[in-house]
N, C-alpha and C. Protein backbone atom coordinates (compact mmCIF):
# COMPACT_ATOMS: atom_id res chain seq x y z
N UNK A 1 101.08 96.65 101.39
CA UNK A 1 100.16 96.51 102.48
C UNK A 1 100.97 96.54 103.78
N UNK A 2 100.87 97.66 104.48
CA UNK A 2 101.71 97.83 105.66
C UNK A 2 100.89 97.92 106.94
N UNK A 3 101.49 97.54 108.06
CA UNK A 3 100.80 97.62 109.34
C UNK A 3 100.50 99.07 109.72
N UNK A 4 99.57 99.36 110.61
CA UNK A 4 98.76 98.33 111.24
C UNK A 4 97.63 97.84 110.34
N UNK A 5 97.01 98.70 109.54
CA UNK A 5 95.95 98.28 108.63
C UNK A 5 96.09 99.04 107.32
N UNK A 6 96.19 98.32 106.20
CA UNK A 6 96.19 99.01 104.91
C UNK A 6 94.86 99.76 104.74
N UNK A 7 94.89 100.82 103.96
CA UNK A 7 93.68 101.61 103.74
C UNK A 7 93.47 101.88 102.26
N UNK A 8 92.22 102.14 101.91
CA UNK A 8 91.86 102.62 100.58
C UNK A 8 91.20 103.97 100.76
N UNK A 9 91.39 104.83 99.81
CA UNK A 9 90.65 106.09 99.76
C UNK A 9 89.72 105.97 98.56
N UNK A 10 88.43 106.09 98.83
CA UNK A 10 87.42 105.83 97.81
C UNK A 10 86.56 107.07 97.64
N UNK A 11 86.47 107.55 96.41
CA UNK A 11 85.59 108.68 96.10
C UNK A 11 84.28 108.13 95.55
N UNK A 12 83.18 108.50 96.20
CA UNK A 12 81.86 108.04 95.77
C UNK A 12 81.29 109.01 94.73
N UNK A 13 80.16 108.64 94.14
CA UNK A 13 79.58 109.39 93.02
C UNK A 13 79.37 110.87 93.31
N UNK A 14 79.02 111.21 94.56
CA UNK A 14 78.78 112.62 94.89
C UNK A 14 80.05 113.39 95.21
N UNK A 15 81.22 112.73 95.09
CA UNK A 15 82.49 113.38 95.32
C UNK A 15 83.02 113.24 96.74
N UNK A 16 82.25 112.62 97.63
CA UNK A 16 82.70 112.42 99.01
C UNK A 16 83.84 111.40 99.03
N UNK A 17 84.87 111.70 99.80
CA UNK A 17 86.03 110.82 99.92
C UNK A 17 85.91 110.02 101.22
N UNK A 18 85.96 108.71 101.10
CA UNK A 18 85.89 107.81 102.25
C UNK A 18 87.25 107.17 102.49
N UNK A 19 87.58 106.94 103.76
CA UNK A 19 88.73 106.13 104.11
C UNK A 19 88.21 104.75 104.51
N UNK A 20 88.71 103.72 103.85
CA UNK A 20 88.31 102.35 104.12
C UNK A 20 89.52 101.62 104.70
N UNK A 21 89.41 101.20 105.96
CA UNK A 21 90.47 100.42 106.59
C UNK A 21 90.24 98.95 106.26
N UNK A 22 91.28 98.27 105.81
CA UNK A 22 91.21 96.85 105.50
C UNK A 22 91.59 96.06 106.75
N UNK A 23 91.73 94.76 106.63
CA UNK A 23 92.20 93.95 107.75
C UNK A 23 93.68 94.18 107.98
N UNK A 24 94.23 93.56 109.02
CA UNK A 24 95.67 93.69 109.21
C UNK A 24 96.35 93.06 107.99
N UNK A 25 97.64 93.28 107.79
CA UNK A 25 98.28 92.79 106.56
C UNK A 25 98.07 91.29 106.30
N UNK A 26 98.09 90.47 107.33
CA UNK A 26 97.89 89.02 107.12
C UNK A 26 96.45 88.74 106.68
N UNK A 27 95.48 89.36 107.34
CA UNK A 27 94.07 89.15 106.96
C UNK A 27 93.82 89.63 105.54
N UNK A 28 94.39 90.77 105.21
CA UNK A 28 94.22 91.32 103.87
C UNK A 28 94.82 90.37 102.83
N UNK A 29 96.02 89.87 103.10
CA UNK A 29 96.65 88.92 102.18
C UNK A 29 95.85 87.62 102.08
N UNK A 30 95.35 87.13 103.21
CA UNK A 30 94.55 85.90 103.20
C UNK A 30 93.26 86.05 102.41
N UNK A 31 92.74 87.28 102.33
CA UNK A 31 91.52 87.52 101.56
C UNK A 31 91.78 87.47 100.06
N UNK A 32 93.05 87.56 99.68
CA UNK A 32 93.41 87.60 98.27
C UNK A 32 93.60 89.01 97.73
N UNK A 33 93.31 90.01 98.57
CA UNK A 33 93.43 91.40 98.15
C UNK A 33 94.90 91.81 98.13
N UNK A 34 95.31 92.44 97.04
CA UNK A 34 96.68 92.95 96.92
C UNK A 34 96.63 94.42 96.50
N UNK A 35 97.77 95.04 96.45
CA UNK A 35 97.84 96.44 96.03
C UNK A 35 97.29 96.63 94.61
N UNK A 36 97.27 95.58 93.81
CA UNK A 36 96.78 95.66 92.43
C UNK A 36 95.32 95.26 92.27
N UNK A 37 94.65 94.91 93.36
CA UNK A 37 93.26 94.43 93.28
C UNK A 37 92.27 95.51 92.88
N UNK A 38 92.51 96.73 93.33
CA UNK A 38 91.61 97.85 93.03
C UNK A 38 92.36 98.89 92.21
N UNK A 39 91.80 99.22 91.08
CA UNK A 39 92.43 100.21 90.20
C UNK A 39 91.67 101.53 90.31
N UNK A 40 92.36 102.65 90.15
CA UNK A 40 91.68 103.95 90.21
C UNK A 40 90.51 104.00 89.23
N UNK A 41 89.37 104.47 89.73
CA UNK A 41 88.18 104.60 88.89
C UNK A 41 87.31 103.36 88.83
N UNK A 42 87.79 102.25 89.37
CA UNK A 42 87.04 101.00 89.33
C UNK A 42 85.96 101.01 90.42
N UNK A 43 84.78 100.52 90.07
CA UNK A 43 83.67 100.46 91.03
C UNK A 43 83.92 99.36 92.05
N UNK A 44 83.69 99.68 93.33
CA UNK A 44 83.80 98.69 94.39
C UNK A 44 82.58 98.79 95.31
N UNK A 45 82.31 97.71 96.00
CA UNK A 45 81.28 97.68 97.03
C UNK A 45 81.95 97.27 98.32
N UNK A 46 81.68 98.03 99.39
CA UNK A 46 82.30 97.73 100.68
C UNK A 46 81.21 97.40 101.69
N UNK A 47 81.35 96.27 102.34
CA UNK A 47 80.51 95.88 103.46
C UNK A 47 81.38 96.02 104.70
N UNK A 48 80.89 96.75 105.69
CA UNK A 48 81.73 96.93 106.87
C UNK A 48 81.04 97.71 107.96
N UNK A 49 81.86 98.25 108.84
CA UNK A 49 81.38 98.97 110.00
C UNK A 49 81.81 100.42 109.91
N UNK A 50 80.80 101.30 109.92
CA UNK A 50 81.07 102.73 109.81
C UNK A 50 81.57 103.27 111.15
N UNK A 51 82.37 104.31 111.07
CA UNK A 51 82.85 105.01 112.26
C UNK A 51 81.66 105.45 113.10
N UNK A 52 81.80 105.40 114.40
CA UNK A 52 80.70 105.80 115.30
C UNK A 52 80.30 107.26 115.13
N UNK A 53 81.27 108.08 114.75
CA UNK A 53 81.00 109.49 114.48
C UNK A 53 80.57 109.61 113.02
N UNK A 54 79.27 109.76 112.79
CA UNK A 54 78.73 109.76 111.42
C UNK A 54 79.24 110.92 110.57
N UNK A 55 79.87 111.91 111.19
CA UNK A 55 80.42 113.02 110.40
C UNK A 55 81.73 112.62 109.73
N UNK A 56 82.30 111.50 110.15
CA UNK A 56 83.56 111.01 109.56
C UNK A 56 83.24 109.98 108.48
N UNK A 57 83.79 110.17 107.33
CA UNK A 57 83.63 109.24 106.21
C UNK A 57 84.74 108.19 106.32
N UNK A 58 84.52 107.26 107.23
CA UNK A 58 85.56 106.30 107.60
C UNK A 58 84.88 105.00 108.01
N UNK A 59 85.35 103.89 107.48
CA UNK A 59 84.79 102.60 107.87
C UNK A 59 85.84 101.50 107.84
N UNK A 60 85.53 100.43 108.58
CA UNK A 60 86.36 99.23 108.62
C UNK A 60 85.72 98.20 107.71
N UNK A 61 86.45 97.75 106.70
CA UNK A 61 85.90 96.79 105.73
C UNK A 61 85.84 95.39 106.32
N UNK A 62 84.73 94.73 106.08
CA UNK A 62 84.58 93.31 106.38
C UNK A 62 84.73 92.53 105.06
N UNK A 63 84.12 93.07 104.00
CA UNK A 63 84.22 92.48 102.66
C UNK A 63 84.29 93.61 101.64
N UNK A 64 85.14 93.43 100.65
CA UNK A 64 85.20 94.34 99.51
C UNK A 64 84.91 93.49 98.27
N UNK A 65 84.03 94.01 97.41
CA UNK A 65 83.71 93.31 96.17
C UNK A 65 84.13 94.20 95.01
N UNK A 66 84.93 93.62 94.12
CA UNK A 66 85.41 94.33 92.93
C UNK A 66 85.21 93.41 91.74
N UNK A 67 84.46 93.87 90.75
CA UNK A 67 84.25 93.08 89.54
C UNK A 67 83.70 91.69 89.82
N UNK A 68 82.84 91.57 90.83
CA UNK A 68 82.24 90.29 91.15
C UNK A 68 83.09 89.39 92.04
N UNK A 69 84.29 89.83 92.39
CA UNK A 69 85.17 89.05 93.26
C UNK A 69 85.08 89.59 94.68
N UNK A 70 84.82 88.71 95.63
CA UNK A 70 84.76 89.09 97.04
C UNK A 70 86.12 88.91 97.70
N UNK A 71 86.50 89.90 98.47
CA UNK A 71 87.71 89.85 99.29
C UNK A 71 87.22 89.97 100.73
N UNK A 72 87.20 88.86 101.45
CA UNK A 72 86.66 88.83 102.81
C UNK A 72 87.78 89.03 103.83
N UNK A 73 87.83 90.22 104.42
CA UNK A 73 88.83 90.53 105.43
C UNK A 73 88.51 89.79 106.74
N UNK A 74 87.22 89.72 107.05
CA UNK A 74 86.75 89.08 108.28
C UNK A 74 85.61 88.13 107.92
N UNK A 75 85.90 86.97 107.33
CA UNK A 75 84.85 86.07 106.86
C UNK A 75 83.92 85.59 107.99
N UNK A 76 84.44 85.51 109.22
CA UNK A 76 83.61 85.06 110.33
C UNK A 76 82.51 86.07 110.68
N UNK A 77 82.61 87.28 110.19
CA UNK A 77 81.60 88.31 110.46
C UNK A 77 80.52 88.38 109.39
N UNK A 78 80.64 87.58 108.34
CA UNK A 78 79.68 87.62 107.24
C UNK A 78 78.65 86.52 107.44
N UNK A 79 77.40 86.92 107.50
CA UNK A 79 76.31 85.97 107.71
C UNK A 79 75.84 85.41 106.36
N UNK A 80 75.71 84.10 106.29
CA UNK A 80 75.19 83.46 105.08
C UNK A 80 73.70 83.77 104.97
N UNK A 81 73.25 83.92 103.73
CA UNK A 81 71.82 84.19 103.50
C UNK A 81 71.06 82.92 103.34
């Protein structure tokens, strides 16, 4: 996990490739997410902010969920239900 922001490349079911920016290295580590948290082919759910240019498949992650485990990059941005 290197500065300025670690990234994931995620291929969705239709074959579209997304770039997902995580928090800065400290935020990412504090969330519990490591280089081994996501394995190729594993299903993930990303909550975050999409790039303003909708033609770009790029977003900033606020939370990533893998196998029922939440990794909150920016917990202060997540509203309780």
